[in-house]
Amino acid sequence: MCIVVRIIAVTILVTGSAGELIAQHNILYRSHLLHQVLVNPATAGSEFIPVAALSYQKQWLGINRSPHTLVSSTSLRIGNFDFYNPKMFINKSKLRSKERIGIGGAVYSDRNGPISMRGINLSYAYHLAFSGSRLSFGLSGTAEQSVLDGSAWDPITPGDPLLGGDGESFLQFNANTGVYYYGPRYYAGFAVGHLIPLENKIEPGKKVKQDFIFHGGYLFRPLENFKIEPSVNIRYLDYKILEYDFQTRIYVHHIHWMALTYRSYQALALMVGFKVRKFYVAYNFEVNLSPIIKYNGGTHGLHVGLNLGMRRLEGF
């Protein structure tokens, strides 16, 4: 296992940031705009109707073996209510749960040089109704496979034993929990990732530490077909990494939108989304303001969402 630790140390030097290795999950947390169930399981079913989304993101375009991420998620509410299907016919739910149960799921794959991570997430949420607002509690389970790929190395000295041979693979299970309070114009949530302090199989002798995430936003409506939604996402990872996103999203005619995000690790991101029949398509571009900007073409992402229930949907 000493070999694995040395590989990790070399990887940190190559990426230039220990946080990228320690908190590889942060790549997934940054997709909170489109895949909320990965950030907070209590959001499952918060939009009532079934929605699904697929995202692919490539970081630092132009750099060999730069990180890339693929995420697919879905969410829906189970209960005694009606919703419109894509053909605009009313579907009546056969389950009678008083609109309180939300379920969600996601599968994801992330690769960062010789390190890759694949996982599945299943979420459950219970929603309580109040006058003009709702409060939900969520729990999710995850199964993740982390792989150290020895064949991805390009050493100066071929056959260097310190870099290992075929690499190693680890399968880990854990749970996440969260709470979410929301209404027609506002929302706020708090979530804890890696709830169970299990042994870190990549770094034996150490425990997997919790991640803490707070997110919230408010929707302003200065005009009938024009809305502005400022929001914040704050993440405290591995008890040592603090990151935050400040974001402003603008809606036009309820279905088209644009979002501008400032990330605390010196990055600016622009995302534009629009409706194409029952599909929602978005493109995002992110530029890092650090010196690495000279050596890459930024981060690019393509996102596709499917609205399975409503006539119009703000974002995905």
C-alpha atoms as a PDB file:
ATOM      1  CA  MET A   1       0.000   0.000   0.000  1.00  0.00           C
ATOM      2  CA  CYS A   2       3.006   2.279   0.354  1.00  0.00           C
ATOM      3  CA  ILE A   3       3.127   2.331  -3.434  1.00  0.00           C
ATOM      4  CA  VAL A   4      -0.423   3.665  -3.578  1.00  0.00           C
ATOM      5  CA  VAL A   5       0.411   6.474  -1.180  1.00  0.00           C
ATOM      6  CA  ARG A   6       3.389   7.473  -3.346  1.00  0.00           C
ATOM      7  CA  ILE A   7       1.187   7.452  -6.427  1.00  0.00           C
ATOM      8  CA  ILE A   8      -1.241   9.763  -4.674  1.00  0.00           C
ATOM      9  CA  ALA A   9       1.578  12.114  -3.722  1.00  0.00           C
ATOM     10  CA  VAL A  10       2.785  12.276  -7.322  1.00  0.00           C
ATOM     11  CA  THR A  11      -0.751  12.913  -8.523  1.00  0.00           C
ATOM     12  CA  ILE A  12      -1.070  15.862  -6.163  1.00  0.00           C
ATOM     13  CA  LEU A  13       2.047  17.376  -7.672  1.00  0.00           C
ATOM     14  CA  VAL A  14       0.782  16.811 -11.181  1.00  0.00           C
ATOM     15  CA  THR A  15      -2.630  18.376 -10.599  1.00  0.00           C
ATOM     16  CA  GLY A  16      -1.213  21.211  -8.538  1.00  0.00           C
ATOM     17  CA  SER A  17      -4.016  20.968  -5.985  1.00  0.00           C
ATOM     18  CA  ALA A  18      -4.437  18.492  -3.140  1.00  0.00           C
ATOM     19  CA  GLY A  19      -8.100  19.425  -3.000  1.00  0.00           C
ATOM     20  CA  GLU A  20      -8.710  17.950  -6.440  1.00  0.00           C
ATOM     21  CA  LEU A  21      -7.680  14.540  -5.122  1.00  0.00           C
ATOM     22  CA  ILE A  22      -9.012  14.701  -1.576  1.00  0.00           C
ATOM     23  CA  ALA A  23     -12.366  16.088  -2.681  1.00  0.00           C
ATOM     24  CA  GLN A  24     -12.910  14.619  -6.118  1.00  0.00           C
ATOM     25  CA  HIS A  25     -16.589  14.641  -5.188  1.00  0.00           C
ATOM     26  CA  ASN A  26     -16.452  18.426  -5.432  1.00  0.00           C
ATOM     27  CA  ILE A  27     -16.663  18.049  -9.209  1.00  0.00           C
ATOM     28  CA  LEU A  28     -20.102  16.541  -8.635  1.00  0.00           C
ATOM     29  CA  TYR A  29     -21.103  19.168  -6.069  1.00  0.00           C
ATOM     30  CA  ARG A  30     -20.422  21.872  -8.636  1.00  0.00           C
ATOM     31  CA  SER A  31     -23.241  20.444 -10.765  1.00  0.00           C
ATOM     32  CA  HIS A  32     -25.799  21.546  -8.170  1.00  0.00           C
ATOM     33  CA  LEU A  33     -27.661  23.665 -10.716  1.00  0.00           C
ATOM     34  CA  LEU A  34     -28.784  20.676 -12.776  1.00  0.00           C
ATOM     35  CA  HIS A  35     -28.334  17.630 -10.517  1.00  0.00           C
ATOM     36  CA  GLN A  36     -29.620  18.657  -7.117  1.00  0.00           C
ATOM     37  CA  VAL A  37     -30.060  15.124  -5.761  1.00  0.00           C
ATOM     38  CA  LEU A  38     -26.283  14.632  -5.869  1.00  0.00           C
ATOM     39  CA  VAL A  39     -25.847  17.611  -3.553  1.00  0.00           C
ATOM     40  CA  ASN A  40     -28.848  17.260  -1.254  1.00  0.00           C
ATOM     41  CA  PRO A  41     -31.098  14.160  -1.202  1.00  0.00           C
ATOM     42  CA  ALA A  42     -33.902  16.226   0.383  1.00  0.00           C
ATOM     43  CA  THR A  43     -34.447  17.922  -3.011  1.00  0.00           C
ATOM     44  CA  ALA A  44     -35.723  14.670  -4.555  1.00  0.00           C
ATOM     45  CA  GLY A  45     -39.217  15.331  -5.841  1.00  0.00           C
ATOM     46  CA  SER A  46     -39.185  19.017  -4.930  1.00  0.00           C
ATOM     47  CA  GLU A  47     -40.313  19.917  -8.459  1.00  0.00           C
ATOM     48  CA  PHE A  48     -43.274  17.500  -8.179  1.00  0.00           C
ATOM     49  CA  ILE A  49     -43.115  16.284 -11.758  1.00  0.00           C
ATOM     50  CA  PRO A  50     -40.627  13.781 -13.212  1.00  0.00           C
ATOM     51  CA  VAL A  51     -37.456  15.357 -14.630  1.00  0.00           C
ATOM     52  CA  ALA A  52     -34.269  13.839 -15.996  1.00  0.00           C
ATOM     53  CA  ALA A  53     -30.932  15.361 -16.992  1.00  0.00           C
ATOM     54  CA  LEU A  54     -27.686  14.274 -18.629  1.00  0.00           C
ATOM     55  CA  SER A  55     -24.445  16.280 -18.454  1.00  0.00           C
ATOM     56  CA  TYR A  56     -20.947  15.946 -19.848  1.00  0.00           C
ATOM     57  CA  GLN A  57     -18.152  18.302 -18.847  1.00  0.00           C
ATOM     58  CA  LYS A  58     -14.551  18.509 -20.009  1.00  0.00           C
ATOM     59  CA  GLN A  59     -12.162  20.585 -17.930  1.00  0.00           C
ATOM     60  CA  TRP A  60      -9.062  22.441 -19.095  1.00  0.00           C
ATOM     61  CA  LEU A  61      -9.528  21.783 -22.799  1.00  0.00           C
ATOM     62  CA  GLY A  62      -6.167  21.326 -24.539  1.00  0.00           C
ATOM     63  CA  ILE A  63      -4.404  19.674 -21.594  1.00  0.00           C
ATOM     64  CA  ASN A  64      -3.679  15.986 -22.078  1.00  0.00           C
ATOM     65  CA  ARG A  65      -5.770  13.712 -19.840  1.00  0.00           C
ATOM     66  CA  SER A  66      -7.534  16.628 -18.217  1.00  0.00           C
ATOM     67  CA  PRO A  67     -10.558  15.798 -16.012  1.00  0.00           C
ATOM     68  CA  HIS A  68     -13.906  14.968 -17.554  1.00  0.00           C
ATOM     69  CA  THR A  69     -17.210  14.124 -15.906  1.00  0.00           C
ATOM     70  CA  LEU A  70     -20.439  12.422 -17.019  1.00  0.00           C
ATOM     71  CA  VAL A  71     -23.561  12.699 -14.831  1.00  0.00           C
ATOM     72  CA  SER A  72     -27.137  11.503 -15.316  1.00  0.00           C
ATOM     73  CA  SER A  73     -29.904  12.068 -12.767  1.00  0.00           C
ATOM     74  CA  THR A  74     -33.659  11.906 -12.343  1.00  0.00           C
ATOM     75  CA  SER A  75     -36.161  12.995  -9.717  1.00  0.00           C
ATOM     76  CA  LEU A  76     -39.927  12.791  -9.183  1.00  0.00           C
ATOM     77  CA  ARG A  77     -42.642  13.095  -6.572  1.00  0.00           C
ATOM     78  CA  ILE A  78     -44.882  10.142  -5.739  1.00  0.00           C
ATOM     79  CA  GLY A  79     -48.341  11.028  -4.503  1.00  0.00           C
ATOM     80  CA  ASN A  80     -51.995  11.845  -4.903  1.00  0.00           C
ATOM     81  CA  PHE A  81     -51.741  14.521  -7.589  1.00  0.00           C
ATOM     82  CA  ASP A  82     -52.131  14.994 -11.314  1.00  0.00           C
ATOM     83  CA  PHE A  83     -49.520  16.168 -13.806  1.00  0.00           C
ATOM     84  CA  TYR A  84     -49.301  16.701 -17.550  1.00  0.00           C
ATOM     85  CA  ASN A  85     -47.415  14.170 -19.617  1.00  0.00           C
ATOM     86  CA  PRO A  86     -45.433  15.278 -22.728  1.00  0.00           C
ATOM     87  CA  LYS A  87     -48.590  14.967 -24.858  1.00  0.00           C
ATOM     88  CA  MET A  88     -50.408  17.308 -22.438  1.00  0.00           C
ATOM     89  CA  PHE A  89     -52.763  14.598 -21.175  1.00  0.00           C
ATOM     90  CA  ILE A  90     -53.360  14.444 -17.441  1.00  0.00           C
ATOM     91  CA  ASN A  91     -51.784  11.476 -15.678  1.00  0.00           C
ATOM     92  CA  LYS A  92     -53.279  10.419 -12.358  1.00  0.00           C
ATOM     93  CA  SER A  93     -50.944   8.875  -9.838  1.00  0.00           C
ATOM     94  CA  LYS A  94     -51.924   5.359  -8.706  1.00  0.00           C
ATOM     95  CA  LEU A  95     -50.012   5.688  -5.449  1.00  0.00           C
ATOM     96  CA  ARG A  96     -51.638   7.562  -2.580  1.00  0.00           C
ATOM     97  CA  SER A  97     -48.927   9.067  -0.435  1.00  0.00           C
ATOM     98  CA  LYS A  98     -50.418  12.560   0.015  1.00  0.00           C
ATOM     99  CA  GLU A  99     -47.711  14.061  -2.223  1.00  0.00           C
ATOM    100  CA  ARG A 100     -45.078  13.626   0.466  1.00  0.00           C
ATOM    101  CA  ILE A 101     -42.596  11.145  -0.992  1.00  0.00           C
ATOM    102  CA  GLY A 102     -39.854  12.104  -3.436  1.00  0.00           C
ATOM    103  CA  ILE A 103     -37.369   9.738  -5.011  1.00  0.00           C
ATOM    104  CA  GLY A 104     -34.295  10.380  -7.129  1.00  0.00           C
ATOM    105  CA  GLY A 105     -31.281   8.685  -8.580  1.00  0.00           C
ATOM    106  CA  ALA A 106     -28.025   9.445 -10.333  1.00  0.00           C
ATOM    107  CA  VAL A 107     -25.127   7.672 -11.974  1.00  0.00           C
ATOM    108  CA  TYR A 108     -21.810   9.385 -12.579  1.00  0.00           C
ATOM    109  CA  SER A 109     -18.302   8.876 -13.847  1.00  0.00           C
ATOM    110  CA  ASP A 110     -15.350  11.179 -13.254  1.00  0.00           C
ATOM    111  CA  ARG A 111     -11.779  10.772 -14.472  1.00  0.00           C
ATOM    112  CA  ASN A 112      -8.845  12.899 -13.401  1.00  0.00           C
ATOM    113  CA  GLY A 113      -5.596  11.639 -14.924  1.00  0.00           C
ATOM    114  CA  PRO A 114      -4.856   8.154 -13.559  1.00  0.00           C
ATOM    115  CA  ILE A 115      -7.653   8.397 -10.988  1.00  0.00           C
ATOM    116  CA  SER A 116     -11.246   7.610 -11.919  1.00  0.00           C
ATOM    117  CA  MET A 117     -14.445   7.333  -9.934  1.00  0.00           C
ATOM    118  CA  ARG A 118     -17.745   5.730 -10.892  1.00  0.00           C
ATOM    119  CA  GLY A 119     -20.822   5.643  -8.719  1.00  0.00           C
ATOM    120  CA  ILE A 120     -24.551   5.359  -8.257  1.00  0.00           C
ATOM    121  CA  ASN A 121     -26.768   7.380  -5.933  1.00  0.00           C
ATOM    122  CA  LEU A 122     -30.335   6.581  -4.797  1.00  0.00           C
ATOM    123  CA  SER A 123     -32.254   9.247  -2.870  1.00  0.00           C
ATOM    124  CA  TYR A 124     -35.420   9.357  -0.788  1.00  0.00           C
ATOM    125  CA  ALA A 125     -37.128  12.471   0.570  1.00  0.00           C
ATOM    126  CA  TYR A 126     -40.173  13.106   2.724  1.00  0.00           C
ATOM    127  CA  HIS A 127     -41.925  16.454   2.195  1.00  0.00           C
ATOM    128  CA  LEU A 128     -44.062  18.264   4.758  1.00  0.00           C
ATOM    129  CA  ALA A 129     -46.473  20.978   3.612  1.00  0.00           C
ATOM    130  CA  PHE A 130     -46.881  24.305   5.384  1.00  0.00           C
ATOM    131  CA  SER A 131     -48.753  27.446   4.453  1.00  0.00           C
ATOM    132  CA  GLY A 132     -47.015  28.572   1.274  1.00  0.00           C
ATOM    133  CA  SER A 133     -43.883  26.475   1.777  1.00  0.00           C
ATOM    134  CA  ARG A 134     -42.574  22.945   2.253  1.00  0.00           C
ATOM    135  CA  LEU A 135     -39.925  21.272   4.381  1.00  0.00           C
ATOM    136  CA  SER A 136     -38.288  18.022   3.309  1.00  0.00           C
ATOM    137  CA  PHE A 137     -35.855  15.570   4.847  1.00  0.00           C
ATOM    138  CA  GLY A 138     -33.741  13.316   2.680  1.00  0.00           C
ATOM    139  CA  LEU A 139     -31.447  10.318   2.820  1.00  0.00           C
ATOM    140  CA  SER A 140     -29.414   8.739   0.057  1.00  0.00           C
ATOM    141  CA  GLY A 141     -27.107   5.791  -0.366  1.00  0.00           C
ATOM    142  CA  THR A 142     -24.076   5.685  -2.650  1.00  0.00           C
ATOM    143  CA  ALA A 143     -21.860   2.990  -4.081  1.00  0.00           C
ATOM    144  CA  GLU A 144     -18.572   4.173  -5.591  1.00  0.00           C
ATOM    145  CA  GLN A 145     -15.672   2.507  -7.299  1.00  0.00           C
ATOM    146  CA  SER A 146     -12.358   4.359  -7.234  1.00  0.00           C
ATOM    147  CA  VAL A 147      -9.630   3.206  -9.595  1.00  0.00           C
ATOM    148  CA  LEU A 148      -5.923   4.018  -9.769  1.00  0.00           C
ATOM    149  CA  ASP A 149      -4.942   3.210 -13.354  1.00  0.00           C
ATOM    150  CA  GLY A 150      -1.268   2.326 -13.559  1.00  0.00           C
ATOM    151  CA  SER A 151      -1.373   2.191 -17.379  1.00  0.00           C
ATOM    152  CA  ALA A 152      -2.202   5.923 -17.491  1.00  0.00           C
ATOM    153  CA  TRP A 153       1.236   6.925 -16.241  1.00  0.00           C
ATOM    154  CA  ASP A 154       3.911   8.089 -18.646  1.00  0.00           C
ATOM    155  CA  PRO A 155       7.050   7.874 -16.472  1.00  0.00           C
ATOM    156  CA  ILE A 156      10.489   9.113 -17.407  1.00  0.00           C
ATOM    157  CA  THR A 157      11.818   5.754 -16.266  1.00  0.00           C
ATOM    158  CA  PRO A 158       9.653   2.947 -17.694  1.00  0.00           C
ATOM    159  CA  GLY A 159       8.975   0.169 -15.239  1.00  0.00           C
ATOM    160  CA  ASP A 160       9.531   2.358 -12.172  1.00  0.00           C
ATOM    161  CA  PRO A 161       8.235   0.157  -9.297  1.00  0.00           C
ATOM    162  CA  LEU A 162       7.110   3.203  -7.295  1.00  0.00           C
ATOM    163  CA  LEU A 163       4.409   3.878  -9.876  1.00  0.00           C
ATOM    164  CA  GLY A 164       2.918   0.417  -9.540  1.00  0.00           C
ATOM    165  CA  GLY A 165       1.789  -1.904 -12.284  1.00  0.00           C
ATOM    166  CA  ASP A 166      -1.829  -2.381 -13.209  1.00  0.00           C
ATOM    167  CA  GLY A 167      -3.141  -0.082 -10.475  1.00  0.00           C
ATOM    168  CA  GLU A 168      -5.742  -0.779  -7.824  1.00  0.00           C
ATOM    169  CA  SER A 169      -9.516  -0.617  -7.480  1.00  0.00           C
ATOM    170  CA  PHE A 170     -11.694   0.021  -4.425  1.00  0.00           C
ATOM    171  CA  LEU A 171     -15.444  -0.225  -3.854  1.00  0.00           C
ATOM    172  CA  GLN A 172     -16.953   1.903  -1.087  1.00  0.00           C
ATOM    173  CA  PHE A 173     -20.484   2.443   0.236  1.00  0.00           C
ATOM    174  CA  ASN A 174     -21.780   5.398   2.215  1.00  0.00           C
ATOM    175  CA  ALA A 175     -24.812   7.553   2.956  1.00  0.00           C
ATOM    176  CA  ASN A 176     -25.781  11.232   2.732  1.00  0.00           C
ATOM    177  CA  THR A 177     -28.509  13.227   4.423  1.00  0.00           C
ATOM    178  CA  GLY A 178     -30.058  16.658   4.075  1.00  0.00           C
ATOM    179  CA  VAL A 179     -32.883  19.050   4.838  1.00  0.00           C
ATOM    180  CA  TYR A 180     -34.539  21.412   2.354  1.00  0.00           C
ATOM    181  CA  TYR A 181     -36.961  24.300   2.912  1.00  0.00           C
ATOM    182  CA  TYR A 182     -38.564  25.848  -0.157  1.00  0.00           C
ATOM    183  CA  GLY A 183     -41.421  27.934  -1.455  1.00  0.00           C
ATOM    184  CA  PRO A 184     -42.494  29.520  -4.751  1.00  0.00           C
ATOM    185  CA  ARG A 185     -39.724  32.151  -4.608  1.00  0.00           C
ATOM    186  CA  TYR A 186     -37.060  30.874  -2.230  1.00  0.00           C
ATOM    187  CA  TYR A 187     -35.184  27.808  -1.097  1.00  0.00           C
ATOM    188  CA  ALA A 188     -32.503  26.880   1.419  1.00  0.00           C
ATOM    189  CA  GLY A 189     -30.898  23.555   2.161  1.00  0.00           C
ATOM    190  CA  PHE A 190     -28.196  21.906   4.214  1.00  0.00           C
ATOM    191  CA  ALA A 191     -26.640  18.526   3.461  1.00  0.00           C
ATOM    192  CA  VAL A 192     -23.986  16.228   4.881  1.00  0.00           C
ATOM    193  CA  GLY A 193     -22.064  13.960   2.524  1.00  0.00           C
ATOM    194  CA  HIS A 194     -20.183  10.806   3.569  1.00  0.00           C
ATOM    195  CA  LEU A 195     -22.339  10.537   6.658  1.00  0.00           C
ATOM    196  CA  ILE A 196     -20.691   7.335   7.897  1.00  0.00           C
ATOM    197  CA  PRO A 197     -16.986   7.722   8.861  1.00  0.00           C
ATOM    198  CA  LEU A 198     -15.811   4.528   7.193  1.00  0.00           C
ATOM    199  CA  GLU A 199     -12.196   3.638   6.539  1.00  0.00           C
ATOM    200  CA  ASN A 200     -10.668   5.374   3.541  1.00  0.00           C
ATOM    201  CA  LYS A 201      -9.553   2.474   1.361  1.00  0.00           C
ATOM    202  CA  ILE A 202      -7.275   4.681  -0.709  1.00  0.00           C
ATOM    203  CA  GLU A 203      -5.484   5.967   2.393  1.00  0.00           C
ATOM    204  CA  PRO A 204      -5.540   3.114   4.963  1.00  0.00           C
ATOM    205  CA  GLY A 205      -5.564   4.189   8.583  1.00  0.00           C
ATOM    206  CA  LYS A 206      -7.661   7.270   7.828  1.00  0.00           C
ATOM    207  CA  LYS A 207     -11.414   7.743   7.961  1.00  0.00           C
ATOM    208  CA  VAL A 208     -13.622   9.172   5.233  1.00  0.00           C
ATOM    209  CA  LYS A 209     -14.545  12.641   6.475  1.00  0.00           C
ATOM    210  CA  GLN A 210     -17.849  14.403   6.050  1.00  0.00           C
ATOM    211  CA  ASP A 211     -18.650  17.101   3.514  1.00  0.00           C
ATOM    212  CA  PHE A 212     -20.997  19.934   4.554  1.00  0.00           C
ATOM    213  CA  ILE A 213     -23.002  21.841   1.944  1.00  0.00           C
ATOM    214  CA  PHE A 214     -25.296  24.850   2.323  1.00  0.00           C
ATOM    215  CA  HIS A 215     -27.282  26.205  -0.619  1.00  0.00           C
ATOM    216  CA  GLY A 216     -29.967  28.815  -0.963  1.00  0.00           C
ATOM    217  CA  GLY A 217     -31.551  31.273  -3.362  1.00  0.00           C
ATOM    218  CA  TYR A 218     -34.366  33.795  -3.880  1.00  0.00           C
ATOM    219  CA  LEU A 219     -36.399  34.549  -7.000  1.00  0.00           C
ATOM    220  CA  PHE A 220     -37.169  38.163  -7.919  1.00  0.00           C
ATOM    221  CA  ARG A 221     -39.768  38.994 -10.536  1.00  0.00           C
ATOM    222  CA  PRO A 222     -39.418  42.595 -11.705  1.00  0.00           C
ATOM    223  CA  LEU A 223     -41.370  41.905 -14.935  1.00  0.00           C
ATOM    224  CA  GLU A 224     -44.000  39.401 -16.014  1.00  0.00           C
ATOM    225  CA  ASN A 225     -41.683  37.377 -18.269  1.00  0.00           C
ATOM    226  CA  PHE A 226     -38.392  38.244 -16.627  1.00  0.00           C
ATOM    227  CA  LYS A 227     -37.047  36.750 -13.388  1.00  0.00           C
ATOM    228  CA  ILE A 228     -33.740  37.011 -11.528  1.00  0.00           C
ATOM    229  CA  GLU A 229     -32.543  34.349  -9.086  1.00  0.00           C
ATOM    230  CA  PRO A 230     -29.372  34.995  -7.055  1.00  0.00           C
ATOM    231  CA  SER A 231     -28.105  31.952  -5.164  1.00  0.00           C
ATOM    232  CA  VAL A 232     -25.156  30.652  -3.183  1.00  0.00           C
ATOM    233  CA  ASN A 233     -23.602  27.218  -2.695  1.00  0.00           C
ATOM    234  CA  ILE A 234     -21.052  26.824   0.130  1.00  0.00           C
ATOM    235  CA  ARG A 235     -19.052  23.620   0.607  1.00  0.00           C
ATOM    236  CA  TYR A 236     -16.770  22.600   3.476  1.00  0.00           C
ATOM    237  CA  LEU A 237     -15.010  19.424   2.409  1.00  0.00           C
ATOM    238  CA  ASP A 238     -12.852  16.956   4.288  1.00  0.00           C
ATOM    239  CA  TYR A 239     -12.671  19.379   7.236  1.00  0.00           C
ATOM    240  CA  LYS A 240     -10.109  21.438   5.368  1.00  0.00           C
ATOM    241  CA  ILE A 241     -11.380  22.762   2.026  1.00  0.00           C
ATOM    242  CA  LEU A 242     -13.833  25.672   1.879  1.00  0.00           C
ATOM    243  CA  GLU A 243     -15.342  26.581  -1.469  1.00  0.00           C
ATOM    244  CA  TYR A 244     -18.324  28.645  -2.535  1.00  0.00           C
ATOM    245  CA  ASP A 245     -20.224  29.604  -5.665  1.00  0.00           C
ATOM    246  CA  PHE A 246     -22.088  32.888  -6.117  1.00  0.00           C
ATOM    247  CA  GLN A 247     -24.574  32.630  -8.941  1.00  0.00           C
ATOM    248  CA  THR A 248     -27.192  34.751 -10.680  1.00  0.00           C
ATOM    249  CA  ARG A 249     -29.663  33.107 -13.022  1.00  0.00           C
ATOM    250  CA  ILE A 250     -31.995  35.078 -15.321  1.00  0.00           C
ATOM    251  CA  TYR A 251     -35.193  33.544 -16.715  1.00  0.00           C
ATOM    252  CA  VAL A 252     -36.916  34.770 -19.871  1.00  0.00           C
ATOM    253  CA  HIS A 253     -40.478  33.640 -20.614  1.00  0.00           C
ATOM    254  CA  HIS A 254     -40.161  31.041 -17.839  1.00  0.00           C
ATOM    255  CA  ILE A 255     -38.297  28.524 -20.000  1.00  0.00           C
ATOM    256  CA  HIS A 256     -35.095  30.140 -21.320  1.00  0.00           C
ATOM    257  CA  TRP A 257     -32.373  31.150 -18.894  1.00  0.00           C
ATOM    258  CA  MET A 258     -28.806  32.305 -18.450  1.00  0.00           C
ATOM    259  CA  ALA A 259     -26.609  31.846 -15.364  1.00  0.00           C
ATOM    260  CA  LEU A 260     -23.378  33.581 -14.374  1.00  0.00           C
ATOM    261  CA  THR A 261     -21.312  31.992 -11.587  1.00  0.00           C
ATOM    262  CA  TYR A 262     -18.240  33.082  -9.679  1.00  0.00           C
ATOM    263  CA  ARG A 263     -16.377  30.223  -8.003  1.00  0.00           C
ATOM    264  CA  SER A 264     -14.058  30.792  -5.065  1.00  0.00           C
ATOM    265  CA  TYR A 265     -11.172  28.962  -6.725  1.00  0.00           C
ATOM    266  CA  GLN A 266     -10.876  31.903  -9.118  1.00  0.00           C
ATOM    267  CA  ALA A 267     -13.162  30.858 -11.927  1.00  0.00           C
ATOM    268  CA  LEU A 268     -16.051  32.380 -13.845  1.00  0.00           C
ATOM    269  CA  ALA A 269     -18.738  30.262 -15.487  1.00  0.00           C
ATOM    270  CA  LEU A 270     -21.478  31.148 -17.953  1.00  0.00           C
ATOM    271  CA  MET A 271     -24.353  28.776 -18.701  1.00  0.00           C
ATOM    272  CA  VAL A 272     -27.160  29.285 -21.211  1.00  0.00           C
ATOM    273  CA  GLY A 273     -30.225  27.049 -21.351  1.00  0.00           C
ATOM    274  CA  PHE A 274     -33.189  26.986 -23.702  1.00  0.00           C
ATOM    275  CA  LYS A 275     -36.184  24.831 -24.505  1.00  0.00           C
ATOM    276  CA  VAL A 276     -36.462  22.621 -27.580  1.00  0.00           C
ATOM    277  CA  ARG A 277     -39.947  21.090 -27.473  1.00  0.00           C
ATOM    278  CA  LYS A 278     -40.018  18.886 -24.344  1.00  0.00           C
ATOM    279  CA  PHE A 279     -36.209  18.935 -24.058  1.00  0.00           C
ATOM    280  CA  TYR A 280     -34.020  21.514 -22.350  1.00  0.00           C
ATOM    281  CA  VAL A 281     -30.532  22.054 -23.680  1.00  0.00           C
ATOM    282  CA  ALA A 282     -27.770  24.022 -21.963  1.00  0.00           C
ATOM    283  CA  TYR A 283     -24.144  24.841 -22.637  1.00  0.00           C
ATOM    284  CA  ASN A 284     -21.651  26.116 -20.102  1.00  0.00           C
ATOM    285  CA  PHE A 285     -18.206  27.630 -20.397  1.00  0.00           C
ATOM    286  CA  GLU A 286     -15.906  28.150 -17.437  1.00  0.00           C
ATOM    287  CA  VAL A 287     -12.621  30.002 -17.418  1.00  0.00           C
ATOM    288  CA  ASN A 288     -10.063  29.798 -14.632  1.00  0.00           C
ATOM    289  CA  LEU A 289      -8.615  33.172 -13.663  1.00  0.00           C
ATOM    290  CA  SER A 290      -5.399  31.672 -12.260  1.00  0.00           C
ATOM    291  CA  PRO A 291      -2.154  31.392 -14.304  1.00  0.00           C
ATOM    292  CA  ILE A 292      -3.345  28.057 -15.730  1.00  0.00           C
ATOM    293  CA  ILE A 293      -5.559  30.074 -18.107  1.00  0.00           C
ATOM    294  CA  LYS A 294      -2.526  30.479 -20.365  1.00  0.00           C
ATOM    295  CA  TYR A 295      -2.295  26.744 -21.000  1.00  0.00           C
ATOM    296  CA  ASN A 296      -5.859  25.575 -21.643  1.00  0.00           C
ATOM    297  CA  GLY A 297      -9.069  26.451 -23.448  1.00  0.00           C
ATOM    298  CA  GLY A 298     -11.308  26.503 -20.394  1.00  0.00           C
ATOM    299  CA  THR A 299     -13.969  24.074 -19.243  1.00  0.00           C
ATOM    300  CA  HIS A 300     -16.869  23.167 -21.536  1.00  0.00           C
ATOM    301  CA  GLY A 301     -20.088  21.354 -20.714  1.00  0.00           C
ATOM    302  CA  LEU A 302     -23.183  20.158 -22.547  1.00  0.00           C
ATOM    303  CA  HIS A 303     -26.399  19.369 -20.702  1.00  0.00           C
ATOM    304  CA  VAL A 304     -29.706  17.892 -21.848  1.00  0.00           C
ATOM    305  CA  GLY A 305     -32.849  17.717 -19.712  1.00  0.00           C
ATOM    306  CA  LEU A 306     -36.212  16.067 -20.299  1.00  0.00           C
ATOM    307  CA  ASN A 307     -39.411  17.533 -18.878  1.00  0.00           C
ATOM    308  CA  LEU A 308     -41.794  14.626 -18.323  1.00  0.00           C
ATOM    309  CA  GLY A 309     -44.607  16.442 -16.653  1.00  0.00           C
ATOM    310  CA  MET A 310     -45.250  20.173 -16.970  1.00  0.00           C
ATOM    311  CA  ARG A 311     -46.030  22.633 -19.729  1.00  0.00           C
ATOM    312  CA  ARG A 312     -43.135  24.828 -18.683  1.00  0.00           C
ATOM    313  CA  LEU A 313     -40.184  24.367 -16.396  1.00  0.00           C
ATOM    314  CA  GLU A 314     -37.720  26.937 -15.075  1.00  0.00           C
ATOM    315  CA  GLY A 315     -34.307  25.460 -15.886  1.00  0.00           C
ATOM    316  CA  PHE A 316     -34.226  21.681 -15.689  1.00  0.00           C
END
